[in-house]
């Protein structure tokens, strides 16, 4: 069985663990790391199967989540729904992601972020998203044929469209929408599984499972539960 930490740190040519392209983010990480010496407080690498046919793209690391643990969506509220859903669909070995050393494995899917560093107030500025887009473009270029990208939120959607070489106004974000990008992986949109979206019921667990199941079915990975429509 592959070590979870090793699995999280594969394909480093698609990722720079010492990146400081964004002065604001680099300074903020220095500050956060000084205040929390036990936090990861560095650019957070992707996690999951390097040959995955389903790539899930989030926004950015959370302060007490990926920024603390070093794994996307691990240790914060947004990750609770995400990993529970992946487990139900046969894409994760466990329903809870606690740390990089907890033994969790992803099968057929991989998780990354549009921005690899923690942004202040969880809000990256446009130039920061663009600076990080080169890493996302590299990740997309390595996806196998018939791959599907699931974007969690509009910023992730826009980052995928930009990394694929298209203009943003040609491909609008909408929850549940499937975009057939020319000569690129199909793109599926979902509202982000954030605490705000789930607590306001903008995104319910059933809604989220349905859209993840659809993306997984399109990619030919995981197990589709009964009652969920196909692609």
Protein backbone atom coordinates (compact mmCIF):
# COMPACT_ATOMS: atom_id res chain seq x y z
CA UNK A 1 0.00 0.00 0.00
CA UNK A 2 1.39 3.42 -0.95
CA UNK A 3 2.23 5.75 1.91
CA UNK A 4 -0.39 8.57 2.08
CA UNK A 5 2.31 11.23 2.42
CA UNK A 6 4.12 9.86 -0.65
CA UNK A 7 0.80 9.72 -2.53
CA UNK A 8 0.14 13.37 -1.68
CA UNK A 9 3.54 14.54 -2.90
CA UNK A 10 3.72 12.86 -6.30
CA UNK A 11 4.11 14.77 -9.59
CA UNK A 12 6.15 17.58 -8.07
CA UNK A 13 6.87 18.98 -11.53
CA UNK A 14 3.20 20.04 -11.43
CA UNK A 15 3.81 21.75 -8.09
CA UNK A 16 6.46 23.93 -6.44
CA UNK A 17 6.60 23.32 -2.66
CA UNK A 18 8.70 26.45 -2.23
CA UNK A 19 6.68 28.73 -4.53
CA UNK A 20 6.67 32.42 -3.57
CA UNK A 21 5.22 33.90 -6.77
CA UNK A 22 2.56 35.81 -4.79
CA UNK A 23 4.13 38.25 -2.32
CA UNK A 24 0.95 38.70 -0.30
CA UNK A 25 0.39 34.96 0.09
CA UNK A 26 4.05 34.24 0.83
CA UNK A 27 4.11 36.90 3.56
CA UNK A 28 0.85 35.62 5.01
CA UNK A 29 2.14 32.04 5.14
CA UNK A 30 5.28 33.27 6.92
CA UNK A 31 3.10 35.04 9.47
CA UNK A 32 0.76 32.08 9.95
CA UNK A 33 3.67 29.67 10.28
CA UNK A 34 5.32 31.84 12.91
CA UNK A 35 2.09 31.95 14.92
CA UNK A 36 1.43 28.24 14.44
CA UNK A 37 4.77 26.39 14.26
CA UNK A 38 3.02 23.00 14.10
CA UNK A 39 1.00 24.00 11.00
CA UNK A 40 2.03 22.93 7.47
CA UNK A 41 1.87 26.62 6.37
CA UNK A 42 3.28 26.04 2.88
CA UNK A 43 1.85 25.50 -0.61
CA UNK A 44 -0.39 22.43 -0.36
CA UNK A 45 0.13 19.66 -2.95
CA UNK A 46 -2.60 17.64 -4.63
CA UNK A 47 -3.72 14.40 -3.02
CA UNK A 48 -4.87 11.14 -4.55
CA UNK A 49 -4.35 8.75 -7.41
CA UNK A 50 -1.73 10.17 -9.84
CA UNK A 51 -3.53 8.40 -12.71
CA UNK A 52 -6.99 9.51 -11.63
CA UNK A 53 -9.74 9.99 -14.20
CA UNK A 54 -11.64 12.32 -11.86
CA UNK A 55 -9.88 15.51 -10.74
CA UNK A 56 -11.66 17.55 -8.08
CA UNK A 57 -10.61 21.22 -7.96
CA UNK A 58 -11.30 23.32 -4.87
CA UNK A 59 -10.57 26.96 -4.14
CA UNK A 60 -7.61 27.15 -1.74
CA UNK A 61 -6.37 25.66 1.55
CA UNK A 62 -8.36 26.53 4.66
CA UNK A 63 -6.58 28.14 7.62
CA UNK A 64 -7.21 25.28 10.06
CA UNK A 65 -7.72 22.69 7.33
CA UNK A 66 -5.22 21.99 4.55
CA UNK A 67 -2.99 24.83 5.71
CA UNK A 68 -2.68 22.99 9.03
CA UNK A 69 -2.53 19.40 7.82
CA UNK A 70 -0.90 19.63 4.38
CA UNK A 71 -3.70 17.73 2.59
CA UNK A 72 -6.56 19.32 0.61
CA UNK A 73 -9.88 19.49 2.49
CA UNK A 74 -8.42 17.79 5.55
CA UNK A 75 -9.23 19.11 9.01
CA UNK A 76 -11.94 21.62 8.16
CA UNK A 77 -15.71 21.65 7.70
CA UNK A 78 -15.69 21.55 3.89
CA UNK A 79 -13.78 18.28 3.94
CA UNK A 80 -16.40 16.52 6.07
CA UNK A 81 -18.99 16.41 3.30
CA UNK A 82 -16.43 15.87 0.55
CA UNK A 83 -14.76 12.80 2.03
CA UNK A 84 -18.04 11.30 3.27
CA UNK A 85 -19.38 11.60 -0.26
CA UNK A 86 -16.26 10.14 -1.86
CA UNK A 87 -16.40 7.20 0.54
CA UNK A 88 -20.06 6.48 -0.22
CA UNK A 89 -19.26 6.48 -3.93
CA UNK A 90 -16.32 4.10 -3.59
CA UNK A 91 -13.71 6.77 -4.26
CA UNK A 92 -12.15 6.96 -0.78
CA UNK A 93 -11.07 4.23 1.60
CA UNK A 94 -12.58 6.00 4.63
CA UNK A 95 -15.27 8.65 5.26
CA UNK A 96 -13.04 10.93 7.32
CA UNK A 97 -9.80 12.70 6.44
CA UNK A 98 -7.88 13.69 9.57
CA UNK A 99 -4.18 13.91 8.68
CA UNK A 100 -1.68 12.94 6.00
CA UNK A 101 -0.75 9.93 8.11
CA UNK A 102 -4.26 8.53 8.68
CA UNK A 103 -4.00 5.87 5.96
CA UNK A 104 -6.74 7.35 3.78
CA UNK A 105 -6.49 6.48 0.08
CA UNK A 106 -8.36 7.82 -2.93
CA UNK A 107 -9.28 5.47 -5.78
CA UNK A 108 -9.71 6.83 -9.29
CA UNK A 109 -9.81 10.44 -8.12
CA UNK A 110 -7.47 13.21 -7.08
CA UNK A 111 -8.04 16.49 -5.22
CA UNK A 112 -6.25 19.77 -5.83
CA UNK A 113 -6.90 23.51 -5.45
CA UNK A 114 -6.99 26.43 -7.86
CA UNK A 115 -4.69 28.27 -5.43
CA UNK A 116 -2.15 26.18 -3.54
CA UNK A 117 -1.49 28.67 -0.70
CA UNK A 118 -3.71 29.91 2.11
CA UNK A 119 -5.17 33.33 1.21
CA UNK A 120 -6.17 35.89 3.85
CA UNK A 121 -9.90 35.63 4.65
CA UNK A 122 -10.05 32.67 2.22
CA UNK A 123 -10.13 35.14 -0.68
CA UNK A 124 -7.32 35.05 -3.26
CA UNK A 125 -7.09 38.02 -5.60
CA UNK A 126 -7.20 37.58 -9.36
CA UNK A 127 -3.46 37.81 -9.93
CA UNK A 128 -2.84 35.11 -7.32
CA UNK A 129 -5.27 32.77 -9.07
CA UNK A 130 -3.54 33.51 -12.37
CA UNK A 131 -0.05 32.96 -10.91
CA UNK A 132 -1.09 29.52 -9.66
CA UNK A 133 -2.82 28.62 -12.91
CA UNK A 134 0.38 27.20 -14.42
CA UNK A 135 0.33 24.38 -11.87
CA UNK A 136 -3.31 23.57 -12.56
CA UNK A 137 -2.62 23.61 -16.31
CA UNK A 138 0.15 21.05 -15.77
CA UNK A 139 -2.19 18.86 -13.72
CA UNK A 140 -4.85 19.02 -16.42
CA UNK A 141 -2.33 18.16 -19.14
CA UNK A 142 -1.49 14.89 -17.37
CA UNK A 143 -5.05 13.64 -17.05
CA UNK A 144 -5.80 10.45 -18.97
CA UNK A 145 -8.30 10.24 -21.80
CA UNK A 146 -11.96 10.36 -20.77
CA UNK A 147 -11.03 12.25 -17.61
CA UNK A 148 -13.52 14.55 -15.91
CA UNK A 149 -12.83 17.65 -13.83
CA UNK A 150 -15.22 18.59 -11.02
CA UNK A 151 -14.92 22.27 -10.08
CA UNK A 152 -16.09 23.24 -6.62
CA UNK A 153 -17.24 26.84 -6.95
CA UNK A 154 -16.90 29.60 -9.51
CA UNK A 155 -13.25 30.45 -8.79
CA UNK A 156 -12.26 26.82 -9.35
CA UNK A 157 -14.43 26.70 -12.49
CA UNK A 158 -12.81 29.83 -13.91
CA UNK A 159 -9.34 28.53 -13.06
CA UNK A 160 -10.00 25.28 -14.95
CA UNK A 161 -11.36 27.16 -17.98
CA UNK A 162 -8.36 29.50 -18.01
CA UNK A 163 -5.89 26.63 -17.55
CA UNK A 164 -7.56 24.88 -20.49
CA UNK A 165 -6.88 27.89 -22.72
CA UNK A 166 -10.41 29.25 -23.07
CA UNK A 167 -12.07 32.60 -22.38
CA UNK A 168 -14.11 32.72 -19.19
CA UNK A 169 -17.17 34.35 -20.77
CA UNK A 170 -17.62 31.38 -23.11
CA UNK A 171 -18.09 28.91 -20.24
CA UNK A 172 -20.33 30.12 -17.41
CA UNK A 173 -20.42 28.50 -13.98
CA UNK A 174 -23.70 26.83 -12.94
CA UNK A 175 -24.24 24.12 -10.36
CA UNK A 176 -24.73 20.75 -12.05
CA UNK A 177 -23.67 22.04 -15.47
CA UNK A 178 -21.54 19.82 -17.72
CA UNK A 179 -19.18 21.65 -20.09
CA UNK A 180 -17.79 19.84 -23.12
CA UNK A 181 -14.52 21.73 -23.52
CA UNK A 182 -13.03 21.13 -27.00
CA UNK A 183 -10.18 18.61 -26.85
CA UNK A 184 -10.08 18.95 -23.06
CA UNK A 185 -11.47 16.97 -20.12
CA UNK A 186 -15.18 17.45 -19.52
CA UNK A 187 -15.88 19.96 -16.78
CA UNK A 188 -18.66 19.53 -14.21
CA UNK A 189 -19.64 22.37 -11.87
CA UNK A 190 -20.73 22.19 -8.25
CA UNK A 191 -21.29 24.71 -5.53
CA UNK A 192 -18.40 24.57 -3.09
CA UNK A 193 -19.00 22.29 -0.09
CA UNK A 194 -18.21 25.14 2.31
CA UNK A 195 -19.77 25.61 5.73
CA UNK A 196 -21.66 28.66 4.45
CA UNK A 197 -23.19 26.82 1.48
CA UNK A 198 -24.20 23.77 3.49
CA UNK A 199 -25.56 25.68 6.49
CA UNK A 200 -27.65 27.98 4.28
CA UNK A 201 -28.87 24.90 2.36
CA UNK A 202 -27.67 26.36 -0.91
CA UNK A 203 -25.94 22.99 -1.20
CA UNK A 204 -27.43 19.95 0.49
CA UNK A 205 -25.69 16.62 1.01
CA UNK A 206 -28.06 15.05 -1.52
CA UNK A 207 -27.32 17.74 -4.11
CA UNK A 208 -23.60 17.33 -3.62
CA UNK A 209 -23.65 13.55 -3.81
CA UNK A 210 -25.70 13.71 -7.01
CA UNK A 211 -23.22 15.99 -8.80
CA UNK A 212 -20.15 14.07 -7.57
CA UNK A 213 -21.80 10.79 -8.58
CA UNK A 214 -22.53 12.18 -12.03
CA UNK A 215 -18.93 13.30 -12.53
CA UNK A 216 -17.64 9.94 -11.28
CA UNK A 217 -19.96 8.01 -13.57
CA UNK A 218 -18.87 10.11 -16.55
CA UNK A 219 -15.24 9.36 -15.66
CA UNK A 220 -15.96 5.66 -15.18
CA UNK A 221 -14.76 5.53 -11.57
CA UNK A 222 -16.33 4.75 -8.21
CA UNK A 223 -19.65 3.13 -7.49
CA UNK A 224 -22.89 4.85 -8.42
CA UNK A 225 -25.49 4.41 -5.67
CA UNK A 226 -29.07 3.52 -6.52
CA UNK A 227 -31.39 6.43 -7.11
CA UNK A 228 -28.73 8.68 -8.69
CA UNK A 229 -29.23 9.45 -12.35
CA UNK A 230 -26.45 8.75 -14.78
CA UNK A 231 -24.62 11.09 -17.10
